[in-house]
Amino acid sequence: MTALPGSPAIQNAIPMPYFGTTPFAAPGLGLVGGVIMLGIGLWWLQWRAGRAAKADEGYGQTDVPGKPDTAGANEDVAANHQPNTGQPGSFALALAPVVAVIALNYWLSSHGLTRIDASYLAEPRFGATTLEAVRGMCAVLSALALAILLLLALQWRRLPGLKKTLETGASSSVMPLLNTASQVGFGAVIASLAGFALIRDAVLDIAPGNPLVSLAVSVNLLAGITGSASGGMTIALQTLGEAWLAMGQAAGISPELLHRVTAIATGGLDALLHNGAVITLLSICGLTHRQSYVDILMVAVLGPIAALVAVILLGTWFGSF
């Protein structure tokens, strides 16, 4: 979500207009961060699976009070809902839109959009901006749109309820859109308050001389307070993005490195106990924080924080790569 270069996730898209970057900012560091998250997550899950096997636990068994053992029902569901592997190339067809998003994202941000005459963007009615400032966002949106068209072309016969599917997708996009818009507005209001100068100075004084640490700590704390990765990032960049960019330029730190550190920093403390996704996950699984939060903590909090520390150290020593 936050580390892998080219990801169309909103956490990888929000920093682009602030730093003038693309979804592939600092790809080498992003891959390192992703490998660390994957490694810690798999190690923990394998260790937990080993303990569960020794305790004779299995899928469908539960110790939740009031919850029946659904092993038999789960076995019936598994038997009747096996994946359809009868068609040659079905896996490749399923994977094609995902690969297309990454490939198109890279080509558009690196080559395709750079060939367009976008001088009209300087006009006030188009936001008085430049192609360089919006190139990353345009690449993400265009890649997603083209991948959707590819999906429709490849799987047309499997989508009998296409109109309903598109309506559901459009309806589901409204809430994230309004959430992000409200967070931007909230950040602008906070930045306009007289007392914000004290907060700003305190944040910028964290690890003076190394804006990467200040950026990482601030984004992580705001993500933890709001319980939202995109929310914490939006408020931080809305209020201090220009200051961090100026500090980075003064310290010889590339905008690409600032982008990757910002994105990875959102994936740490955002998954604390009050996070909406955590609460929803536990509710769906019929579990409590006491039963499952340690696993969430290891995979979704400590793993990303370890990756963040590694990326900051590598970026400080070797720069962006």
Protein backbone atom coordinates (compact mmCIF):
# COMPACT_ATOMS: atom_id res chain seq x y z
CA MET A 1 0.00 0.00 0.00
CA THR A 2 2.69 2.49 0.96
CA ALA A 3 6.09 1.10 -0.03
CA LEU A 4 5.87 -0.63 -3.41
CA PRO A 5 6.64 1.76 -6.28
CA GLY A 6 3.80 2.27 -8.75
CA SER A 7 1.07 1.39 -6.28
CA PRO A 8 -2.16 3.26 -7.15
CA ALA A 9 -3.11 3.36 -3.44
CA ILE A 10 -4.21 6.77 -2.19
CA GLN A 11 -1.37 6.74 0.34
CA ASN A 12 1.08 6.66 -2.58
CA ALA A 13 -0.85 9.29 -4.54
CA ILE A 14 -1.43 12.05 -1.96
CA PRO A 15 2.25 13.17 -1.66
CA MET A 16 2.64 13.69 -5.43
CA PRO A 17 1.21 17.22 -5.80
CA TYR A 18 3.11 18.42 -2.73
CA PHE A 19 6.53 17.14 -3.85
CA GLY A 20 6.05 17.09 -7.64
CA THR A 21 6.76 13.35 -7.76
CA THR A 22 5.29 10.25 -9.43
CA PRO A 23 4.00 6.93 -8.01
CA PHE A 24 7.45 5.47 -8.68
CA ALA A 25 9.30 7.82 -6.33
CA ALA A 26 12.41 6.21 -4.79
CA PRO A 27 11.63 2.74 -6.23
CA GLY A 28 14.66 1.01 -4.73
CA LEU A 29 13.91 2.22 -1.21
CA GLY A 30 10.26 1.32 -1.73
CA LEU A 31 11.17 -2.25 -2.64
CA VAL A 32 13.43 -2.50 0.41
CA GLY A 33 10.60 -1.29 2.65
CA GLY A 34 8.15 -3.69 1.04
CA VAL A 35 10.49 -6.67 1.51
CA ILE A 36 10.95 -5.80 5.20
CA MET A 37 7.17 -5.60 5.75
CA LEU A 38 6.65 -8.87 3.89
CA GLY A 39 9.43 -10.61 5.78
CA ILE A 40 8.26 -9.56 9.23
CA GLY A 41 4.65 -10.34 8.39
CA LEU A 42 5.37 -13.81 7.03
CA TRP A 43 7.74 -14.63 9.91
CA TRP A 44 5.13 -13.68 12.49
CA LEU A 45 2.28 -15.48 10.76
CA GLN A 46 4.33 -18.65 10.33
CA TRP A 47 5.32 -18.55 14.00
CA ARG A 48 1.71 -18.04 15.05
CA ALA A 49 0.56 -20.85 12.75
CA GLY A 50 3.12 -23.16 14.33
CA ARG A 51 1.85 -22.35 17.81
CA ALA A 52 -1.74 -22.86 16.69
CA ALA A 53 -0.85 -26.28 15.22
CA LYS A 54 0.80 -27.34 18.47
CA ALA A 55 -2.34 -26.27 20.34
CA ASP A 56 -4.42 -28.40 17.91
CA GLU A 57 -6.24 -25.37 16.52
CA GLY A 58 -7.67 -25.42 13.02
CA TYR A 59 -9.75 -23.46 10.57
CA GLY A 60 -13.36 -23.12 11.68
CA GLN A 61 -12.61 -23.78 15.34
CA THR A 62 -13.33 -20.90 17.68
CA ASP A 63 -13.11 -20.10 21.35
CA VAL A 64 -15.30 -17.02 21.11
CA PRO A 65 -18.15 -17.24 23.66
CA GLY A 66 -21.49 -17.74 21.98
CA LYS A 67 -19.97 -18.57 18.60
CA PRO A 68 -20.69 -22.09 17.26
CA ASP A 69 -18.04 -24.29 15.71
CA THR A 70 -18.52 -23.81 11.96
CA ALA A 71 -15.92 -26.29 10.74
CA GLY A 72 -18.48 -28.49 8.99
CA ALA A 73 -20.15 -25.57 7.25
CA ASN A 74 -16.80 -24.16 6.20
CA GLU A 75 -15.79 -27.51 4.70
CA ASP A 76 -19.03 -27.58 2.66
CA VAL A 77 -18.42 -24.04 1.42
CA ALA A 78 -14.83 -24.85 0.49
CA ALA A 79 -15.93 -27.99 -1.40
CA ASN A 80 -18.60 -26.15 -3.42
CA HIS A 81 -16.65 -22.95 -4.17
CA GLN A 82 -13.38 -24.10 -5.65
CA PRO A 83 -11.69 -21.63 -8.04
CA ASN A 84 -12.40 -22.20 -11.70
CA THR A 85 -9.12 -23.43 -13.17
CA GLY A 86 -10.63 -25.23 -16.12
CA GLN A 87 -9.94 -22.47 -18.63
CA PRO A 88 -6.35 -22.22 -19.92
CA GLY A 89 -4.78 -18.87 -19.13
CA SER A 90 -7.47 -17.89 -16.63
CA PHE A 91 -4.88 -16.86 -14.04
CA ALA A 92 -3.04 -14.72 -16.60
CA LEU A 93 -6.29 -13.05 -17.60
CA ALA A 94 -7.10 -12.31 -13.96
CA LEU A 95 -3.63 -10.84 -13.42
CA ALA A 96 -3.54 -8.77 -16.61
CA PRO A 97 -5.45 -5.69 -15.30
CA VAL A 98 -3.26 -5.55 -12.19
CA VAL A 99 -0.07 -5.69 -14.27
CA ALA A 100 -1.57 -3.14 -16.67
CA VAL A 101 -2.09 -0.62 -13.85
CA ILE A 102 1.58 -0.75 -12.84
CA ALA A 103 2.93 -0.79 -16.42
CA LEU A 104 0.67 2.00 -17.66
CA ASN A 105 1.34 4.01 -14.52
CA TYR A 106 5.08 3.84 -15.20
CA TRP A 107 4.86 4.58 -18.92
CA LEU A 108 2.47 7.51 -18.51
CA SER A 109 4.38 9.14 -15.66
CA SER A 110 7.80 8.63 -17.28
CA HIS A 111 7.11 9.02 -21.01
CA GLY A 112 3.52 9.29 -22.19
CA LEU A 113 2.37 12.44 -20.43
CA THR A 114 5.67 14.26 -20.93
CA ARG A 115 4.96 14.44 -24.68
CA ILE A 116 1.71 16.34 -24.21
CA ASP A 117 1.49 20.10 -24.68
CA ALA A 118 -0.10 21.02 -21.35
CA SER A 119 0.60 24.75 -21.40
CA TYR A 120 -3.14 25.36 -20.98
CA LEU A 121 -2.86 24.17 -17.36
CA ALA A 122 -1.28 27.54 -16.50
CA GLU A 123 -4.66 29.23 -17.07
CA PRO A 124 -6.61 30.07 -13.88
CA ARG A 125 -9.63 28.03 -14.98
CA PHE A 126 -7.44 24.90 -14.99
CA GLY A 127 -5.92 25.63 -11.59
CA ALA A 128 -2.93 27.72 -12.69
CA THR A 129 -0.67 24.70 -12.36
CA THR A 130 1.88 22.80 -14.44
CA LEU A 131 2.03 19.32 -15.91
CA GLU A 132 4.97 18.50 -13.64
CA ALA A 133 2.81 19.19 -10.57
CA VAL A 134 -0.09 16.97 -11.67
CA ARG A 135 1.73 14.39 -13.81
CA GLY A 136 1.74 11.71 -11.13
CA MET A 137 -1.96 12.03 -10.34
CA CYS A 138 -2.91 12.06 -14.03
CA ALA A 139 -0.83 8.91 -14.58
CA VAL A 140 -2.57 7.06 -11.73
CA LEU A 141 -6.08 8.02 -12.84
CA SER A 142 -5.39 7.25 -16.50
CA ALA A 143 -3.76 3.90 -15.69
CA LEU A 144 -6.72 2.85 -13.53
CA ALA A 145 -9.24 3.90 -16.19
CA LEU A 146 -7.40 2.02 -18.96
CA ALA A 147 -7.02 -1.06 -16.76
CA ILE A 148 -10.78 -1.04 -16.11
CA LEU A 149 -11.42 -0.95 -19.87
CA LEU A 150 -8.99 -3.86 -20.30
CA LEU A 151 -10.81 -5.81 -17.61
CA LEU A 152 -14.14 -5.22 -19.34
CA ALA A 153 -12.71 -6.36 -22.67
CA LEU A 154 -11.15 -9.54 -21.24
CA GLN A 155 -13.98 -10.56 -18.91
CA TRP A 156 -17.06 -9.23 -20.70
CA ARG A 157 -18.89 -12.58 -20.64
CA ARG A 158 -18.30 -12.95 -16.89
CA LEU A 159 -19.89 -9.57 -16.10
CA PRO A 160 -23.62 -9.95 -16.81
CA GLY A 161 -24.54 -7.27 -14.25
CA LEU A 162 -22.11 -4.67 -15.57
CA LYS A 163 -24.37 -1.67 -15.01
CA LYS A 164 -25.05 -2.64 -11.41
CA THR A 165 -21.36 -3.31 -10.81
CA LEU A 166 -20.39 0.13 -12.12
CA GLU A 167 -23.14 1.79 -10.07
CA THR A 168 -21.91 0.05 -6.92
CA GLY A 169 -18.33 1.06 -7.61
CA ALA A 170 -19.28 4.68 -8.24
CA SER A 171 -21.37 4.80 -5.06
CA SER A 172 -18.58 3.25 -3.00
CA SER A 173 -16.13 5.91 -4.22
CA VAL A 174 -18.16 8.79 -2.81
CA MET A 175 -17.29 8.22 0.87
CA PRO A 176 -13.49 8.07 0.40
CA LEU A 177 -13.73 11.16 -1.80
CA LEU A 178 -15.67 13.12 0.83
CA ASN A 179 -13.38 11.87 3.61
CA THR A 180 -10.26 13.10 1.81
CA ALA A 181 -11.90 16.41 0.91
CA SER A 182 -12.99 17.01 4.51
CA GLN A 183 -9.49 16.16 5.77
CA VAL A 184 -7.96 18.70 3.38
CA GLY A 185 -10.42 21.31 4.59
CA PHE A 186 -9.75 20.45 8.22
CA GLY A 187 -6.01 20.79 7.64
CA ALA A 188 -6.49 24.20 6.05
CA VAL A 189 -8.52 25.39 9.03
CA ILE A 190 -5.92 24.12 11.49
CA ALA A 191 -3.14 25.85 9.54
CA SER A 192 -4.99 29.17 9.72
CA LEU A 193 -5.24 29.18 13.54
CA ALA A 194 -2.92 31.46 15.46
CA GLY A 195 -1.84 28.69 17.81
CA PHE A 196 -0.74 26.49 14.92
CA ALA A 197 2.54 28.38 14.69
CA LEU A 198 3.57 26.83 18.01
CA ILE A 199 2.70 23.33 16.77
CA ARG A 200 4.49 23.93 13.48
CA ASP A 201 7.67 25.12 15.16
CA ALA A 202 7.63 22.17 17.58
CA VAL A 203 7.19 19.69 14.72
CA LEU A 204 9.92 21.24 12.59
CA ASP A 205 12.30 21.26 15.57
CA ILE A 206 12.13 17.45 15.78
CA ALA A 207 15.57 16.25 14.70
CA PRO A 208 16.71 19.61 13.26
CA GLY A 209 18.79 19.13 10.16
CA ASN A 210 17.02 15.90 9.16
CA PRO A 211 13.54 16.63 7.79
CA LEU A 212 13.03 12.92 7.13
CA VAL A 213 12.75 12.20 10.86
CA SER A 214 10.51 15.21 11.47
CA LEU A 215 8.30 14.18 8.56
CA ALA A 216 8.10 10.53 9.63
CA VAL A 217 7.28 11.29 13.27
CA SER A 218 4.67 13.93 12.43
CA VAL A 219 2.84 11.86 9.83
CA ASN A 220 2.88 8.78 12.07
CA LEU A 221 1.51 10.69 15.06
CA LEU A 222 -1.24 12.38 13.03
CA ALA A 223 -2.17 9.05 11.43
CA GLY A 224 -2.38 7.52 14.91
CA ILE A 225 -4.46 10.39 16.32
CA THR A 226 -6.91 10.41 13.42
CA GLY A 227 -6.90 6.61 13.04
CA SER A 228 -6.44 7.12 9.32
CA ALA A 229 -3.35 6.79 7.12
CA SER A 230 -4.65 9.10 4.40
CA GLY A 231 -6.13 11.48 6.97
CA GLY A 232 -2.92 11.90 8.95
CA MET A 233 -0.87 12.33 5.78
CA THR A 234 -3.28 14.87 4.28
CA ILE A 235 -3.32 17.06 7.38
CA ALA A 236 0.48 16.90 7.74
CA LEU A 237 1.17 17.78 4.10
CA GLN A 238 -1.59 20.36 3.91
CA THR A 239 -0.08 22.28 6.82
CA LEU A 240 3.67 21.57 6.54
CA GLY A 241 4.30 20.10 3.09
CA GLU A 242 5.94 23.25 1.70
CA ALA A 243 8.14 23.61 4.79
CA TRP A 244 9.37 20.00 4.55
CA LEU A 245 10.06 20.38 0.84
CA ALA A 246 12.11 23.53 1.47
CA MET A 247 14.00 21.84 4.34
CA GLY A 248 14.67 18.83 2.13
CA GLN A 249 16.02 20.96 -0.71
CA ALA A 250 18.25 22.85 1.74
CA ALA A 251 19.59 19.55 3.12
CA GLY A 252 20.10 18.01 -0.32
CA ILE A 253 17.25 15.51 0.13
CA SER A 254 15.33 14.68 -3.04
CA PRO A 255 11.54 15.12 -3.24
CA GLU A 256 11.33 11.42 -4.22
CA LEU A 257 12.81 10.39 -0.87
CA LEU A 258 10.43 12.73 0.98
CA HIS A 259 7.54 11.13 -0.92
CA ARG A 260 8.51 7.55 -0.04
CA VAL A 261 9.16 8.33 3.63
CA THR A 262 5.80 10.13 3.86
CA ALA A 263 3.92 7.23 2.27
CA ILE A 264 5.53 4.54 4.43
CA ALA A 265 5.07 6.64 7.59
CA THR A 266 1.29 6.58 7.15
CA GLY A 267 1.21 2.79 7.51
CA GLY A 268 2.44 2.58 11.11
CA LEU A 269 0.45 4.09 13.95
CA ASP A 270 -2.67 4.43 11.78
CA ALA A 271 -3.59 0.83 12.72
CA LEU A 272 -3.93 1.45 16.46
CA LEU A 273 -6.84 0.05 18.43
CA HIS A 274 -9.32 2.79 17.43
CA ASN A 275 -8.70 2.51 13.69
CA GLY A 276 -11.92 1.99 11.77
CA ALA A 277 -10.50 -0.78 9.59
CA VAL A 278 -9.23 -2.66 12.66
CA ILE A 279 -12.63 -2.43 14.36
CA THR A 280 -14.41 -3.54 11.17
CA LEU A 281 -12.02 -6.48 10.71
CA LEU A 282 -12.52 -7.71 14.27
CA SER A 283 -16.28 -7.31 13.96
CA ILE A 284 -16.41 -9.36 10.75
CA CYS A 285 -14.21 -12.07 12.24
CA GLY A 286 -16.22 -12.16 15.48
CA LEU A 287 -13.14 -11.53 17.60
CA THR A 288 -12.04 -9.00 20.20
CA HIS A 289 -9.02 -6.75 20.51
CA ARG A 290 -7.72 -8.98 23.31
CA GLN A 291 -7.81 -12.04 21.07
CA SER A 292 -6.34 -10.65 17.86
CA TYR A 293 -4.79 -7.22 18.22
CA VAL A 294 -1.29 -8.50 18.98
CA ASP A 295 -1.22 -10.10 15.53
CA ILE A 296 -2.49 -6.88 13.92
CA LEU A 297 0.10 -4.91 15.87
CA MET A 298 2.97 -7.05 14.61
CA VAL A 299 1.89 -7.17 10.97
CA ALA A 300 0.31 -3.73 10.47
CA VAL A 301 2.18 -1.50 12.94
CA LEU A 302 5.61 -2.80 13.97
CA GLY A 303 6.49 -4.22 10.55
CA PRO A 304 5.84 -0.94 8.69
CA ILE A 305 7.63 1.08 11.39
CA ALA A 306 10.69 -1.18 11.04
CA ALA A 307 10.55 -0.62 7.26
CA LEU A 308 10.26 3.14 7.82
CA VAL A 309 13.34 3.22 10.04
CA ALA A 310 15.33 1.22 7.48
CA VAL A 311 14.27 3.51 4.60
CA ILE A 312 15.17 6.65 6.57
CA LEU A 313 18.61 5.27 7.44
CA LEU A 314 19.30 4.11 3.89
CA GLY A 315 18.00 7.37 2.44
CA THR A 316 20.13 9.42 4.82
CA TRP A 317 23.27 7.42 4.01
CA PHE A 318 22.84 6.78 0.29
CA GLY A 319 20.15 9.20 -0.86
CA SER A 320 17.20 8.28 -3.04
CA PHE A 321 17.47 5.20 -5.25
